[in-house]
Amino acid sequence: MKNLKLNTNEDIGILILRIALGGLMLFHGIAKITQSTDFIRASLMEKGLPLWLENGVYIGELLIPLTILFGVCVRISGLIFSINMLFSIWLVYSGQIFTIAPYGGWTIELNVLFFLGGLALFFMGSGKYAVYKRNDIFD
């Protein structure tokens, strides 16, 4: 039997991950602009956090997804993206971390998937298909 060698391209895989994370999170960010963020403000007040942290939602769900999509400073953007998801889990889903949704999935699975995807980008960087590339930790 002949050995088959798959020709892989990690850079295309990273690009697909960037499009998935950045593109899907943009929908959440657009919803925050077009709808009220009162529930975020209420969650911050409930946890005793300063209300100016509400602005972090616009950074984490609009600005950072755009930088991820375009490949600008993807490592640091991936880290900020993941931190944003930790805040989301803590503020909105802290009472549901150990619960299963009615459809059988983990209640916070989407948030965890976004969190882990952001961490993956932090460790992998932007790949070669990026608008702006640097050769250090902030590529």
Protein backbone atom coordinates (compact mmCIF):
# COMPACT_ATOMS: atom_id res chain seq x y z
CA MET A 1 0.00 0.00 0.00
CA LYS A 2 1.27 3.40 -0.91
CA ASN A 3 1.84 5.95 1.84
CA LEU A 4 -0.41 8.92 1.29
CA LYS A 5 1.00 12.23 2.35
CA LEU A 6 -1.55 14.94 2.99
CA ASN A 7 -0.43 18.37 1.98
CA THR A 8 -1.51 20.60 4.85
CA ASN A 9 -1.50 24.34 5.08
CA GLU A 10 -1.66 25.64 8.64
CA ASP A 11 -1.95 29.21 7.42
CA ILE A 12 -5.27 28.48 5.72
CA GLY A 13 -6.47 26.79 8.91
CA ILE A 14 -5.55 29.86 10.95
CA LEU A 15 -7.32 32.10 8.41
CA ILE A 16 -10.48 29.97 8.68
CA LEU A 17 -10.31 30.20 12.49
CA ARG A 18 -9.86 33.98 12.29
CA ILE A 19 -12.84 34.33 9.94
CA ALA A 20 -15.00 32.12 12.17
CA LEU A 21 -14.15 33.85 15.45
CA GLY A 22 -14.01 37.41 14.20
CA GLY A 23 -16.96 37.12 11.85
CA LEU A 24 -19.29 35.40 14.29
CA MET A 25 -18.41 37.70 17.19
CA LEU A 26 -19.14 40.76 15.03
CA PHE A 27 -22.82 39.79 15.05
CA HIS A 28 -22.77 40.06 18.85
CA GLY A 29 -21.05 43.43 18.65
CA ILE A 30 -23.52 44.79 16.11
CA ALA A 31 -26.36 43.65 18.36
CA LYS A 32 -24.80 45.63 21.22
CA ILE A 33 -24.83 48.77 19.06
CA THR A 34 -28.36 48.34 17.75
CA GLN A 35 -29.89 47.17 21.02
CA SER A 36 -29.50 48.21 24.62
CA THR A 37 -26.60 47.09 26.81
CA ASP A 38 -28.63 47.62 29.98
CA PHE A 39 -28.26 43.97 30.92
CA ILE A 40 -24.46 44.37 30.91
CA ARG A 41 -24.74 47.46 33.10
CA ALA A 42 -27.04 45.55 35.49
CA SER A 43 -24.58 42.63 35.63
CA LEU A 44 -21.69 44.99 36.40
CA MET A 45 -23.68 46.69 39.17
CA GLU A 46 -24.68 43.30 40.60
CA LYS A 47 -21.01 42.25 40.79
CA GLY A 48 -19.96 45.64 42.22
CA LEU A 49 -17.81 46.55 39.22
CA PRO A 50 -17.40 50.05 37.77
CA LEU A 51 -19.86 50.89 35.01
CA TRP A 52 -17.14 52.11 32.65
CA LEU A 53 -16.31 48.42 32.07
CA GLU A 54 -19.45 48.34 29.93
CA ASN A 55 -17.34 49.92 27.18
CA GLY A 56 -15.23 46.76 27.13
CA VAL A 57 -18.07 45.05 25.29
CA TYR A 58 -17.54 47.34 22.30
CA ILE A 59 -13.81 46.64 22.32
CA GLY A 60 -14.21 42.88 22.79
CA GLU A 61 -17.10 42.39 20.39
CA LEU A 62 -16.41 44.98 17.66
CA LEU A 63 -12.84 46.25 17.57
CA ILE A 64 -11.03 43.03 18.49
CA PRO A 65 -13.05 40.85 16.06
CA LEU A 66 -12.13 43.28 13.27
CA THR A 67 -8.43 43.06 14.14
CA ILE A 68 -8.72 39.27 14.18
CA LEU A 69 -10.50 39.22 10.81
CA PHE A 70 -7.91 41.43 9.16
CA GLY A 71 -4.95 39.80 10.88
CA VAL A 72 -3.78 42.87 12.80
CA CYS A 73 -1.94 42.11 16.06
CA VAL A 74 -3.69 38.74 16.25
CA ARG A 75 -1.80 37.36 19.24
CA ILE A 76 -2.73 40.19 21.60
CA SER A 77 -6.20 40.39 20.01
CA GLY A 78 -6.74 36.69 20.68
CA LEU A 79 -5.76 37.20 24.32
CA ILE A 80 -8.11 40.19 24.72
CA PHE A 81 -10.85 38.19 22.95
CA SER A 82 -10.41 35.37 25.47
CA ILE A 83 -10.45 37.75 28.43
CA ASN A 84 -13.66 39.26 27.06
CA MET A 85 -15.20 35.78 26.96
CA LEU A 86 -14.16 35.11 30.57
CA PHE A 87 -15.94 38.31 31.59
CA SER A 88 -18.98 37.20 29.59
CA ILE A 89 -19.05 33.85 31.37
CA TRP A 90 -18.57 35.45 34.77
CA LEU A 91 -21.09 38.28 34.31
CA VAL A 92 -23.85 36.49 32.43
CA TYR A 93 -23.43 32.75 32.91
CA SER A 94 -21.79 32.30 36.30
CA GLY A 95 -24.85 30.46 37.63
CA GLN A 96 -24.94 28.15 34.62
CA ILE A 97 -21.33 26.97 34.37
CA PHE A 98 -22.17 23.45 35.52
CA THR A 99 -25.48 23.08 33.69
CA ILE A 100 -26.65 21.33 30.56
CA ALA A 101 -28.95 23.18 28.18
CA PRO A 102 -32.36 21.73 27.25
CA TYR A 103 -30.97 20.58 23.88
CA GLY A 104 -28.22 18.56 25.57
CA GLY A 105 -25.19 20.82 25.13
CA TRP A 106 -23.18 22.59 27.79
CA THR A 107 -24.95 25.87 28.56
CA ILE A 108 -21.79 27.93 28.10
CA GLU A 109 -20.32 25.94 25.21
CA LEU A 110 -20.38 28.85 22.73
CA ASN A 111 -18.57 31.12 25.16
CA VAL A 112 -16.00 28.42 25.91
CA LEU A 113 -15.51 27.77 22.20
CA PHE A 114 -14.88 31.48 21.62
CA PHE A 115 -12.54 31.56 24.65
CA LEU A 116 -10.48 28.59 23.44
CA GLY A 117 -10.40 29.90 19.86
CA GLY A 118 -9.01 33.20 21.11
CA LEU A 119 -6.36 31.33 23.09
CA ALA A 120 -5.46 29.30 20.01
CA LEU A 121 -4.91 32.52 18.06
CA PHE A 122 -2.80 33.89 20.90
CA PHE A 123 -0.47 30.90 20.61
CA MET A 124 -0.52 30.56 16.79
CA GLY A 125 -0.56 34.17 15.63
CA SER A 126 -2.10 35.42 12.41
CA GLY A 127 -0.53 33.07 9.90
CA LYS A 128 0.75 34.41 6.60
CA TYR A 129 -2.63 35.67 5.35
CA ALA A 130 -2.82 38.91 7.29
CA VAL A 131 -3.07 42.59 6.48
CA TYR A 132 -0.42 43.55 9.01
CA LYS A 133 2.30 41.20 10.25
CA ARG A 134 5.07 41.68 12.77
CA ASN A 135 7.65 39.16 13.85
CA ASP A 136 7.13 39.43 17.58
CA ILE A 137 4.48 38.49 20.12
CA PHE A 138 2.09 41.14 18.76
CA ASP A 139 1.90 39.76 15.20
